[in-house]
């Protein structure tokens, strides 16, 4: 299991660029949760709004992985 958008085969720098753009971060966040078969997390991601995007961006830059609200 991957910890970020690399589940889609993207390098780290591309992940950071996509995480900066709110719309792509939202879409890719939902897609990665669906790929990981974490459907509840994907639904929360859809309705999570800007707060999860900000947390995602901070975690992507500092820890090279996306924020996990639910780790189930």
C-alpha atoms as a PDB file:
ATOM      1  CA  UNK A   1       0.000   0.000   0.000  1.00  0.00           C
ATOM      2  CA  UNK A   2       1.319   3.418  -0.976  1.00  0.00           C
ATOM      3  CA  UNK A   3       1.201   6.442   1.277  1.00  0.00           C
ATOM      4  CA  UNK A   4       0.551   9.150  -1.309  1.00  0.00           C
ATOM      5  CA  UNK A   5      -0.256   9.818  -4.943  1.00  0.00           C
ATOM      6  CA  UNK A   6       2.610   7.520  -5.961  1.00  0.00           C
ATOM      7  CA  UNK A   7      -0.069   4.829  -5.980  1.00  0.00           C
ATOM      8  CA  UNK A   8      -0.819   6.365  -9.369  1.00  0.00           C
ATOM      9  CA  UNK A   9       2.820   6.053 -10.471  1.00  0.00           C
ATOM     10  CA  UNK A  10       3.716   9.713 -10.049  1.00  0.00           C
ATOM     11  CA  UNK A  11       7.096  10.968  -8.754  1.00  0.00           C
ATOM     12  CA  UNK A  12       7.325  13.052  -5.568  1.00  0.00           C
ATOM     13  CA  UNK A  13       7.746  16.465  -7.233  1.00  0.00           C
ATOM     14  CA  UNK A  14       4.643  15.876  -9.365  1.00  0.00           C
ATOM     15  CA  UNK A  15       2.794  14.827  -6.194  1.00  0.00           C
ATOM     16  CA  UNK A  16       3.688  18.121  -4.521  1.00  0.00           C
ATOM     17  CA  UNK A  17       2.598  20.154  -7.547  1.00  0.00           C
ATOM     18  CA  UNK A  18      -0.721  18.288  -7.706  1.00  0.00           C
ATOM     19  CA  UNK A  19      -1.213  18.667  -3.938  1.00  0.00           C
ATOM     20  CA  UNK A  20      -0.818  22.451  -4.230  1.00  0.00           C
ATOM     21  CA  UNK A  21      -3.745  22.697  -6.658  1.00  0.00           C
ATOM     22  CA  UNK A  22      -6.944  22.260  -4.590  1.00  0.00           C
ATOM     23  CA  UNK A  23      -9.046  20.579  -7.283  1.00  0.00           C
ATOM     24  CA  UNK A  24      -6.438  17.982  -8.250  1.00  0.00           C
ATOM     25  CA  UNK A  25      -5.611  17.304  -4.590  1.00  0.00           C
ATOM     26  CA  UNK A  26      -9.295  16.673  -3.915  1.00  0.00           C
ATOM     27  CA  UNK A  27      -9.743  14.379  -6.920  1.00  0.00           C
ATOM     28  CA  UNK A  28      -6.517  12.437  -6.354  1.00  0.00           C
ATOM     29  CA  UNK A  29      -7.276  12.112  -2.652  1.00  0.00           C
ATOM     30  CA  UNK A  30     -10.590  10.461  -3.483  1.00  0.00           C
ATOM     31  CA  UNK A  31      -9.030   8.287  -6.199  1.00  0.00           C
ATOM     32  CA  UNK A  32      -6.211   7.026  -3.955  1.00  0.00           C
ATOM     33  CA  UNK A  33      -8.705   6.108  -1.208  1.00  0.00           C
ATOM     34  CA  UNK A  34     -10.796   4.180  -3.735  1.00  0.00           C
ATOM     35  CA  UNK A  35      -7.684   2.400  -5.083  1.00  0.00           C
ATOM     36  CA  UNK A  36      -6.867   1.385  -1.491  1.00  0.00           C
ATOM     37  CA  UNK A  37     -10.508   0.198  -1.064  1.00  0.00           C
ATOM     38  CA  UNK A  38     -11.099   2.655   1.772  1.00  0.00           C
ATOM     39  CA  UNK A  39     -14.536   3.765   0.681  1.00  0.00           C
ATOM     40  CA  UNK A  40     -15.552   5.531   3.909  1.00  0.00           C
ATOM     41  CA  UNK A  41     -12.362   7.592   3.758  1.00  0.00           C
ATOM     42  CA  UNK A  42     -13.140   8.410   0.100  1.00  0.00           C
ATOM     43  CA  UNK A  43     -16.615   9.657   1.035  1.00  0.00           C
ATOM     44  CA  UNK A  44     -15.169  11.773   3.856  1.00  0.00           C
ATOM     45  CA  UNK A  45     -12.622  13.078   1.351  1.00  0.00           C
ATOM     46  CA  UNK A  46     -15.401  14.153  -1.006  1.00  0.00           C
ATOM     47  CA  UNK A  47     -17.102  16.220   1.684  1.00  0.00           C
ATOM     48  CA  UNK A  48     -13.942  17.115   3.678  1.00  0.00           C
ATOM     49  CA  UNK A  49     -13.403  20.454   2.057  1.00  0.00           C
ATOM     50  CA  UNK A  50     -10.448  22.779   2.393  1.00  0.00           C
ATOM     51  CA  UNK A  51      -9.303  21.606   5.838  1.00  0.00           C
ATOM     52  CA  UNK A  52      -8.214  18.204   4.583  1.00  0.00           C
ATOM     53  CA  UNK A  53      -6.576  19.879   1.579  1.00  0.00           C
ATOM     54  CA  UNK A  54      -4.467  22.093   3.840  1.00  0.00           C
ATOM     55  CA  UNK A  55      -3.475  19.132   6.036  1.00  0.00           C
ATOM     56  CA  UNK A  56      -2.703  17.097   2.918  1.00  0.00           C
ATOM     57  CA  UNK A  57      -0.452  19.833   1.557  1.00  0.00           C
ATOM     58  CA  UNK A  58       1.447  20.250   4.815  1.00  0.00           C
ATOM     59  CA  UNK A  59       1.943  16.503   5.202  1.00  0.00           C
ATOM     60  CA  UNK A  60       2.998  16.103   1.556  1.00  0.00           C
ATOM     61  CA  UNK A  61       5.685  18.770   1.840  1.00  0.00           C
ATOM     62  CA  UNK A  62       6.985  17.839   5.296  1.00  0.00           C
ATOM     63  CA  UNK A  63       6.575  14.069   5.396  1.00  0.00           C
ATOM     64  CA  UNK A  64       6.235  13.010   1.737  1.00  0.00           C
ATOM     65  CA  UNK A  65       2.876  11.345   2.374  1.00  0.00           C
ATOM     66  CA  UNK A  66      -0.752  12.428   2.354  1.00  0.00           C
ATOM     67  CA  UNK A  67      -2.796  13.045   5.475  1.00  0.00           C
ATOM     68  CA  UNK A  68      -4.742  10.066   6.807  1.00  0.00           C
ATOM     69  CA  UNK A  69      -7.920  11.043   8.617  1.00  0.00           C
ATOM     70  CA  UNK A  70      -9.005   7.403   8.817  1.00  0.00           C
ATOM     71  CA  UNK A  71      -6.306   4.772   8.752  1.00  0.00           C
ATOM     72  CA  UNK A  72      -8.668   1.825   8.344  1.00  0.00           C
END
